[in-house]
């Protein structure tokens, strides 16, 4: 069943980034509007500075972050990227995008509330939520608008967003 394969997305993301710490660094940069320097990242995440530099170098090589000079200080910022995923398993096929704005949705897939939503409403409905979440983050959609589009209750959408934002707090 395709759902069981897709549930491994958080682990696949860890394999793409090789380490969970790299994902945390990327997430921190995604929410830091003006970027962050390596020392600040090290302090916020409780990681050794050398490790942070290693992750930043890896993320930079992947084209996911870039260096920028702000007030004479070197900071790192996340770039706008899209990972196009085509998943085929058990005769089914799915295609979806992972971007800086919806990455946390996929990292939240292992939480009980998100798992329950997927079991109850289906994987395709969750993938549609991840797409709509980008518009929610940009302020183009409200909870009730998302619920109406998805054909679910506003409470279900609120619970999903709470879970996603809990994961986003690094």
Protein backbone atom coordinates (compact mmCIF):
# COMPACT_ATOMS: atom_id res chain seq x y z
CA UNK A 1 0.00 0.00 0.00
CA UNK A 2 1.33 3.42 -1.02
CA UNK A 3 0.44 5.03 2.33
CA UNK A 4 2.86 2.77 4.19
CA UNK A 5 5.64 3.77 1.79
CA UNK A 6 4.88 7.49 2.03
CA UNK A 7 4.93 7.33 5.85
CA UNK A 8 8.68 6.94 5.51
CA UNK A 9 9.03 10.49 4.10
CA UNK A 10 10.59 11.86 7.32
CA UNK A 11 13.22 9.11 7.12
CA UNK A 12 13.70 9.77 3.40
CA UNK A 13 14.26 13.45 4.16
CA UNK A 14 16.83 12.46 6.76
CA UNK A 15 18.57 10.36 4.10
CA UNK A 16 18.46 13.26 1.62
CA UNK A 17 20.03 15.55 4.19
CA UNK A 18 22.03 12.67 5.73
CA UNK A 19 21.53 14.00 9.24
CA UNK A 20 18.57 15.25 11.22
CA UNK A 21 20.69 18.17 12.42
CA UNK A 22 21.00 19.47 8.86
CA UNK A 23 17.21 19.55 8.62
CA UNK A 24 17.04 21.51 11.89
CA UNK A 25 19.58 24.02 10.58
CA UNK A 26 17.59 24.40 7.36
CA UNK A 27 14.32 24.84 9.28
CA UNK A 28 15.89 27.47 11.51
CA UNK A 29 17.09 29.38 8.45
CA UNK A 30 13.66 29.10 6.84
CA UNK A 31 12.01 30.88 9.77
CA UNK A 32 14.83 33.43 10.30
CA UNK A 33 13.71 36.25 8.00
CA UNK A 34 17.13 37.90 7.80
CA UNK A 35 19.09 34.66 8.04
CA UNK A 36 21.40 33.68 10.85
CA UNK A 37 25.11 33.34 11.44
CA UNK A 38 26.73 30.05 12.38
CA UNK A 39 27.33 31.07 16.00
CA UNK A 40 23.66 31.97 16.54
CA UNK A 41 22.57 28.70 14.94
CA UNK A 42 25.00 26.80 17.17
CA UNK A 43 23.60 28.44 20.31
CA UNK A 44 19.92 28.05 19.35
CA UNK A 45 20.24 24.39 18.39
CA UNK A 46 22.83 23.42 21.00
CA UNK A 47 25.17 22.06 18.34
CA UNK A 48 28.95 22.42 18.20
CA UNK A 49 30.01 25.28 15.92
CA UNK A 50 32.09 22.94 13.74
CA UNK A 51 29.03 20.74 13.20
CA UNK A 52 26.91 23.75 12.23
CA UNK A 53 29.54 24.82 9.68
CA UNK A 54 29.58 21.29 8.28
CA UNK A 55 25.78 21.27 7.89
CA UNK A 56 25.80 24.74 6.34
CA UNK A 57 28.45 23.67 3.85
CA UNK A 58 26.41 20.58 2.92
CA UNK A 59 23.20 22.60 2.56
CA UNK A 60 25.05 25.20 0.50
CA UNK A 61 26.43 22.50 -1.80
CA UNK A 62 22.89 21.17 -2.26
CA UNK A 63 21.76 24.66 -3.28
CA UNK A 64 19.37 25.00 -0.33
CA UNK A 65 21.11 27.86 1.49
CA UNK A 66 23.35 30.73 0.48
CA UNK A 67 25.74 33.12 2.21
CA UNK A 68 24.87 36.77 2.50
CA UNK A 69 26.53 39.78 4.08
CA UNK A 70 24.34 41.83 6.42
CA UNK A 71 25.94 44.78 8.19
CA UNK A 72 29.40 43.35 7.65
CA UNK A 73 28.33 40.03 9.20
CA UNK A 74 28.23 36.78 7.21
CA UNK A 75 24.84 35.12 7.55
CA UNK A 76 23.21 32.18 5.89
CA UNK A 77 19.71 32.26 4.41
CA UNK A 78 17.57 29.52 2.96
CA UNK A 79 16.94 29.66 -0.75
CA UNK A 80 13.57 29.07 -2.30
CA UNK A 81 13.70 25.46 -3.45
CA UNK A 82 11.34 22.76 -4.57
CA UNK A 83 11.95 19.03 -4.33
CA UNK A 84 9.70 17.27 -6.81
CA UNK A 85 8.89 13.81 -5.51
CA UNK A 86 7.50 11.06 -7.71
CA UNK A 87 6.57 8.04 -5.67
CA UNK A 88 5.59 4.73 -7.20
CA UNK A 89 4.71 1.68 -5.16
CA UNK A 90 2.25 -1.19 -5.35
CA UNK A 91 0.90 -0.04 -8.71
CA UNK A 92 0.03 3.44 -7.41
CA UNK A 93 1.74 6.69 -8.22
CA UNK A 94 1.91 10.05 -6.46
CA UNK A 95 3.68 13.25 -7.34
CA UNK A 96 4.11 16.17 -4.97
CA UNK A 97 6.43 19.03 -4.11
CA UNK A 98 8.42 19.72 -0.98
CA UNK A 99 9.35 23.37 -0.46
CA UNK A 100 10.70 25.49 2.39
CA UNK A 101 7.14 26.39 3.37
CA UNK A 102 5.74 22.87 3.55
CA UNK A 103 8.81 20.86 4.60
CA UNK A 104 7.66 20.83 8.22
CA UNK A 105 4.36 19.21 7.17
CA UNK A 106 6.28 16.16 6.03
CA UNK A 107 8.44 16.12 9.14
CA UNK A 108 5.23 16.08 11.22
CA UNK A 109 3.90 12.95 9.50
CA UNK A 110 4.95 10.69 12.35
CA UNK A 111 2.94 12.58 14.96
CA UNK A 112 -0.20 10.77 16.19
CA UNK A 113 -2.64 13.47 15.06
CA UNK A 114 -1.20 13.70 11.55
CA UNK A 115 -1.08 9.89 11.27
CA UNK A 116 -4.72 9.73 12.35
CA UNK A 117 -5.68 12.33 9.75
CA UNK A 118 -3.92 10.35 7.02
CA UNK A 119 -5.62 7.10 8.11
CA UNK A 120 -9.02 8.76 8.32
CA UNK A 121 -8.94 11.13 5.35
CA UNK A 122 -6.28 9.59 3.12
CA UNK A 123 -2.79 10.42 1.96
CA UNK A 124 -3.91 12.45 -1.04
CA UNK A 125 -5.93 14.73 1.26
CA UNK A 126 -2.83 15.23 3.43
CA UNK A 127 -0.71 16.04 0.36
CA UNK A 128 -3.35 18.59 -0.67
CA UNK A 129 -3.08 20.05 2.86
CA UNK A 130 0.71 20.43 2.40
CA UNK A 131 0.11 22.38 -0.81
CA UNK A 132 -2.51 24.62 0.82
CA UNK A 133 -0.28 25.12 3.88
CA UNK A 134 2.07 27.23 1.75
CA UNK A 135 -0.80 29.63 0.99
CA UNK A 136 -1.79 29.61 4.67
CA UNK A 137 1.76 30.59 5.68
CA UNK A 138 1.70 33.41 3.12
CA UNK A 139 -1.64 34.65 4.51
CA UNK A 140 -3.61 33.86 1.33
CA UNK A 141 -5.79 31.25 3.03
CA UNK A 142 -7.50 31.00 6.41
CA UNK A 143 -8.21 27.85 8.41
CA UNK A 144 -11.84 27.84 7.32
CA UNK A 145 -10.91 28.32 3.65
CA UNK A 146 -8.48 25.39 3.87
CA UNK A 147 -11.14 23.24 5.53
CA UNK A 148 -13.68 24.08 2.84
CA UNK A 149 -11.22 23.28 0.02
CA UNK A 150 -10.18 20.01 1.68
CA UNK A 151 -13.74 19.04 2.59
CA UNK A 152 -12.84 18.52 6.25
CA UNK A 153 -13.66 20.32 9.48
CA UNK A 154 -11.91 23.49 10.57
CA UNK A 155 -10.90 21.65 13.76
CA UNK A 156 -9.07 18.99 11.72
CA UNK A 157 -7.13 21.68 9.87
CA UNK A 158 -6.36 23.49 13.15
CA UNK A 159 -5.01 20.26 14.68
CA UNK A 160 -2.80 19.62 11.62
CA UNK A 161 -1.44 23.16 11.72
CA UNK A 162 -0.75 22.87 15.47
CA UNK A 163 1.21 19.66 14.88
CA UNK A 164 3.16 21.18 11.98
CA UNK A 165 3.99 24.30 13.95
CA UNK A 166 5.07 22.19 16.93
CA UNK A 167 7.61 20.50 14.65
CA UNK A 168 8.65 23.88 13.25
CA UNK A 169 9.67 25.15 16.69
CA UNK A 170 13.23 23.90 16.49
